[in-house]
Amino acid sequence: MTSLLERITGTADNPEETRVTTPRPYAPAAVPWWAGVYGLDPAIPVGDWAIAARCTAMACAVRIHGVDAPYRAGLFKSSPATRWHEWLWKAVTPVDAAARRLALRLVCDQAGTVDPDHVLQVAQDLLAAVGPPR
């Protein structure tokens, strides 16, 4: 019979008797990057689309550009966060605002496949592709 100390320290004479636990493999977080963001998370009802536009622009810009999101990209260019916020702000109805936020979020989900400088254009093209028939 083994003593309690031997069980804890694993000093058993026979290695076959030593219990080894294998940790579970690390699983990546199942929580999407936009979870909890007002305007992006469908679980959070949006009452004020001006605030939703601001939160969406900030979250998406940081997702794509990191900490450089709030800074101007060039002498005559505004920051990505500013450009995206202005586009989101131009929505004329709550439905249009929700569609714009969704388009931007979907493009940002594909961050590795879209050139960061073209995210807004791709979101605009995506929204136009599913717009009302002409």
C-alpha atoms as a PDB file:
ATOM      1  CA  MET A   1       0.000   0.000   0.000  1.00  0.00           C
ATOM      2  CA  THR A   2       1.342   3.444  -0.937  1.00  0.00           C
ATOM      3  CA  SER A   3       1.376   6.329   1.427  1.00  0.00           C
ATOM      4  CA  LEU A   4      -0.445   9.578   0.783  1.00  0.00           C
ATOM      5  CA  LEU A   5       2.871  11.421   0.389  1.00  0.00           C
ATOM      6  CA  GLU A   6       3.973   9.011  -2.325  1.00  0.00           C
ATOM      7  CA  ARG A   7       0.706   9.526  -4.187  1.00  0.00           C
ATOM      8  CA  ILE A   8       1.073  13.305  -4.099  1.00  0.00           C
ATOM      9  CA  THR A   9       4.768  13.464  -4.932  1.00  0.00           C
ATOM     10  CA  GLY A  10       4.715  10.572  -7.393  1.00  0.00           C
ATOM     11  CA  THR A  11       7.650   8.761  -5.775  1.00  0.00           C
ATOM     12  CA  ALA A  12       6.222   5.297  -6.318  1.00  0.00           C
ATOM     13  CA  ASP A  13       8.794   2.642  -7.140  1.00  0.00           C
ATOM     14  CA  ASN A  14       6.899   1.376 -10.129  1.00  0.00           C
ATOM     15  CA  PRO A  15       6.363   4.030 -12.865  1.00  0.00           C
ATOM     16  CA  GLU A  16       3.333   2.086 -14.064  1.00  0.00           C
ATOM     17  CA  GLU A  17       1.554   2.968 -10.840  1.00  0.00           C
ATOM     18  CA  THR A  18       2.212   6.705 -11.116  1.00  0.00           C
ATOM     19  CA  ARG A  19      -0.885   8.499 -12.349  1.00  0.00           C
ATOM     20  CA  VAL A  20      -0.297  11.010 -15.102  1.00  0.00           C
ATOM     21  CA  THR A  21      -2.965  13.454 -16.150  1.00  0.00           C
ATOM     22  CA  THR A  22      -2.987  14.820 -19.640  1.00  0.00           C
ATOM     23  CA  PRO A  23      -4.321  18.347 -19.905  1.00  0.00           C
ATOM     24  CA  ARG A  24      -6.993  19.001 -22.458  1.00  0.00           C
ATOM     25  CA  PRO A  25      -5.722  20.543 -25.660  1.00  0.00           C
ATOM     26  CA  TYR A  26      -6.074  24.289 -25.729  1.00  0.00           C
ATOM     27  CA  ALA A  27      -9.071  25.300 -27.805  1.00  0.00           C
ATOM     28  CA  PRO A  28      -9.186  28.780 -29.302  1.00  0.00           C
ATOM     29  CA  ALA A  29     -11.784  31.044 -27.818  1.00  0.00           C
ATOM     30  CA  ALA A  30     -15.196  30.495 -29.301  1.00  0.00           C
ATOM     31  CA  VAL A  31     -16.186  34.077 -28.616  1.00  0.00           C
ATOM     32  CA  PRO A  32     -16.149  36.261 -31.750  1.00  0.00           C
ATOM     33  CA  TRP A  33     -14.209  39.519 -31.665  1.00  0.00           C
ATOM     34  CA  TRP A  34     -17.404  41.576 -31.991  1.00  0.00           C
ATOM     35  CA  ALA A  35     -19.225  39.939 -29.046  1.00  0.00           C
ATOM     36  CA  GLY A  36     -20.464  42.544 -26.612  1.00  0.00           C
ATOM     37  CA  VAL A  37     -19.893  45.469 -28.978  1.00  0.00           C
ATOM     38  CA  TYR A  38     -22.928  47.715 -29.189  1.00  0.00           C
ATOM     39  CA  GLY A  39     -24.043  47.789 -32.796  1.00  0.00           C
ATOM     40  CA  LEU A  40     -22.158  44.645 -33.833  1.00  0.00           C
ATOM     41  CA  ASP A  41     -23.486  42.007 -31.462  1.00  0.00           C
ATOM     42  CA  PRO A  42     -26.977  40.928 -32.570  1.00  0.00           C
ATOM     43  CA  ALA A  43     -27.723  39.885 -28.970  1.00  0.00           C
ATOM     44  CA  ILE A  44     -27.635  43.541 -27.901  1.00  0.00           C
ATOM     45  CA  PRO A  45     -30.653  45.527 -29.117  1.00  0.00           C
ATOM     46  CA  VAL A  46     -29.692  48.802 -30.752  1.00  0.00           C
ATOM     47  CA  GLY A  47     -31.735  51.775 -29.689  1.00  0.00           C
ATOM     48  CA  ASP A  48     -29.433  54.601 -30.749  1.00  0.00           C
ATOM     49  CA  TRP A  49     -27.764  54.053 -34.102  1.00  0.00           C
ATOM     50  CA  ALA A  50     -25.485  57.070 -33.663  1.00  0.00           C
ATOM     51  CA  ILE A  51     -23.835  55.359 -30.697  1.00  0.00           C
ATOM     52  CA  ALA A  52     -23.900  52.031 -32.571  1.00  0.00           C
ATOM     53  CA  ALA A  53     -22.104  53.673 -35.509  1.00  0.00           C
ATOM     54  CA  ARG A  54     -19.430  55.056 -33.209  1.00  0.00           C
ATOM     55  CA  CYS A  55     -18.886  51.724 -31.420  1.00  0.00           C
ATOM     56  CA  THR A  56     -18.868  49.810 -34.712  1.00  0.00           C
ATOM     57  CA  ALA A  57     -16.339  52.148 -36.316  1.00  0.00           C
ATOM     58  CA  MET A  58     -14.023  51.935 -33.329  1.00  0.00           C
ATOM     59  CA  ALA A  59     -14.213  48.148 -32.960  1.00  0.00           C
ATOM     60  CA  CYS A  60     -13.793  47.455 -36.679  1.00  0.00           C
ATOM     61  CA  ALA A  61     -10.945  49.929 -37.086  1.00  0.00           C
ATOM     62  CA  VAL A  62      -9.012  48.450 -34.172  1.00  0.00           C
ATOM     63  CA  ARG A  63      -9.707  44.943 -35.496  1.00  0.00           C
ATOM     64  CA  ILE A  64      -8.132  45.831 -38.856  1.00  0.00           C
ATOM     65  CA  HIS A  65      -5.550  48.508 -38.011  1.00  0.00           C
ATOM     66  CA  GLY A  66      -4.758  47.830 -34.365  1.00  0.00           C
ATOM     67  CA  VAL A  67      -3.652  50.779 -32.297  1.00  0.00           C
ATOM     68  CA  ASP A  68      -3.002  52.846 -35.446  1.00  0.00           C
ATOM     69  CA  ALA A  69      -6.758  53.069 -36.129  1.00  0.00           C
ATOM     70  CA  PRO A  70      -7.318  56.533 -34.646  1.00  0.00           C
ATOM     71  CA  TYR A  71      -4.421  58.235 -36.400  1.00  0.00           C
ATOM     72  CA  ARG A  72      -4.401  59.958 -39.723  1.00  0.00           C
ATOM     73  CA  ALA A  73      -3.053  57.798 -42.511  1.00  0.00           C
ATOM     74  CA  GLY A  74      -1.714  60.712 -44.528  1.00  0.00           C
ATOM     75  CA  LEU A  75      -1.714  64.467 -44.891  1.00  0.00           C
ATOM     76  CA  PHE A  76      -5.116  64.691 -46.585  1.00  0.00           C
ATOM     77  CA  LYS A  77      -6.590  61.375 -45.473  1.00  0.00           C
ATOM     78  CA  SER A  78      -8.601  60.907 -42.340  1.00  0.00           C
ATOM     79  CA  SER A  79      -8.124  57.921 -40.068  1.00  0.00           C
ATOM     80  CA  PRO A  80      -9.845  54.636 -40.905  1.00  0.00           C
ATOM     81  CA  ALA A  81     -12.045  54.960 -37.823  1.00  0.00           C
ATOM     82  CA  THR A  82     -13.172  58.415 -38.965  1.00  0.00           C
ATOM     83  CA  ARG A  83     -13.948  57.301 -42.538  1.00  0.00           C
ATOM     84  CA  TRP A  84     -15.895  54.274 -41.384  1.00  0.00           C
ATOM     85  CA  HIS A  85     -17.801  56.307 -38.796  1.00  0.00           C
ATOM     86  CA  GLU A  86     -18.758  58.891 -41.429  1.00  0.00           C
ATOM     87  CA  TRP A  87     -20.066  56.139 -43.738  1.00  0.00           C
ATOM     88  CA  LEU A  88     -22.045  54.506 -40.946  1.00  0.00           C
ATOM     89  CA  TRP A  89     -23.409  57.888 -39.884  1.00  0.00           C
ATOM     90  CA  LYS A  90     -24.877  58.494 -43.363  1.00  0.00           C
ATOM     91  CA  ALA A  91     -27.498  55.758 -42.896  1.00  0.00           C
ATOM     92  CA  VAL A  92     -30.987  57.149 -43.434  1.00  0.00           C
ATOM     93  CA  THR A  93     -33.077  54.499 -41.663  1.00  0.00           C
ATOM     94  CA  PRO A  94     -32.497  52.040 -38.822  1.00  0.00           C
ATOM     95  CA  VAL A  95     -32.591  49.197 -41.366  1.00  0.00           C
ATOM     96  CA  ASP A  96     -29.952  50.910 -43.526  1.00  0.00           C
ATOM     97  CA  ALA A  97     -27.832  51.528 -40.421  1.00  0.00           C
ATOM     98  CA  ALA A  98     -28.037  47.854 -39.397  1.00  0.00           C
ATOM     99  CA  ALA A  99     -27.139  46.712 -42.926  1.00  0.00           C
ATOM    100  CA  ARG A 100     -24.109  49.028 -43.024  1.00  0.00           C
ATOM    101  CA  ARG A 101     -22.872  47.803 -39.648  1.00  0.00           C
ATOM    102  CA  LEU A 102     -23.327  44.189 -40.722  1.00  0.00           C
ATOM    103  CA  ALA A 103     -21.506  44.751 -44.020  1.00  0.00           C
ATOM    104  CA  LEU A 104     -18.557  46.326 -42.220  1.00  0.00           C
ATOM    105  CA  ARG A 105     -18.477  43.551 -39.621  1.00  0.00           C
ATOM    106  CA  LEU A 106     -18.566  40.824 -42.276  1.00  0.00           C
ATOM    107  CA  VAL A 107     -15.664  42.380 -44.153  1.00  0.00           C
ATOM    108  CA  CYS A 108     -13.690  42.810 -40.930  1.00  0.00           C
ATOM    109  CA  ASP A 109     -14.289  39.111 -40.182  1.00  0.00           C
ATOM    110  CA  GLN A 110     -12.208  38.441 -43.290  1.00  0.00           C
ATOM    111  CA  ALA A 111      -9.402  40.708 -42.121  1.00  0.00           C
ATOM    112  CA  GLY A 112      -6.636  38.509 -43.492  1.00  0.00           C
ATOM    113  CA  THR A 113      -8.047  38.424 -47.025  1.00  0.00           C
ATOM    114  CA  VAL A 114      -8.916  42.097 -47.534  1.00  0.00           C
ATOM    115  CA  ASP A 115      -6.394  44.888 -47.925  1.00  0.00           C
ATOM    116  CA  PRO A 116      -6.894  47.173 -44.899  1.00  0.00           C
ATOM    117  CA  ASP A 117      -7.111  50.197 -47.186  1.00  0.00           C
ATOM    118  CA  HIS A 118     -10.016  48.619 -49.099  1.00  0.00           C
ATOM    119  CA  VAL A 119     -12.219  47.462 -46.207  1.00  0.00           C
ATOM    120  CA  LEU A 120     -14.674  50.344 -46.531  1.00  0.00           C
ATOM    121  CA  GLN A 121     -14.952  49.959 -50.314  1.00  0.00           C
ATOM    122  CA  VAL A 122     -15.585  46.218 -50.017  1.00  0.00           C
ATOM    123  CA  ALA A 123     -18.257  46.853 -47.356  1.00  0.00           C
ATOM    124  CA  GLN A 124     -19.912  49.437 -49.619  1.00  0.00           C
ATOM    125  CA  ASP A 125     -19.767  47.036 -52.571  1.00  0.00           C
ATOM    126  CA  LEU A 126     -21.224  44.239 -50.465  1.00  0.00           C
ATOM    127  CA  LEU A 127     -24.090  46.441 -49.360  1.00  0.00           C
ATOM    128  CA  ALA A 128     -24.739  47.604 -52.931  1.00  0.00           C
ATOM    129  CA  ALA A 129     -24.706  43.987 -54.165  1.00  0.00           C
ATOM    130  CA  VAL A 130     -27.719  43.141 -52.016  1.00  0.00           C
ATOM    131  CA  GLY A 131     -29.511  46.455 -52.391  1.00  0.00           C
ATOM    132  CA  PRO A 132     -32.966  46.792 -53.872  1.00  0.00           C
ATOM    133  CA  PRO A 133     -33.198  45.811 -57.559  1.00  0.00           C
ATOM    134  CA  ARG A 134     -32.865  48.705 -59.970  1.00  0.00           C
END
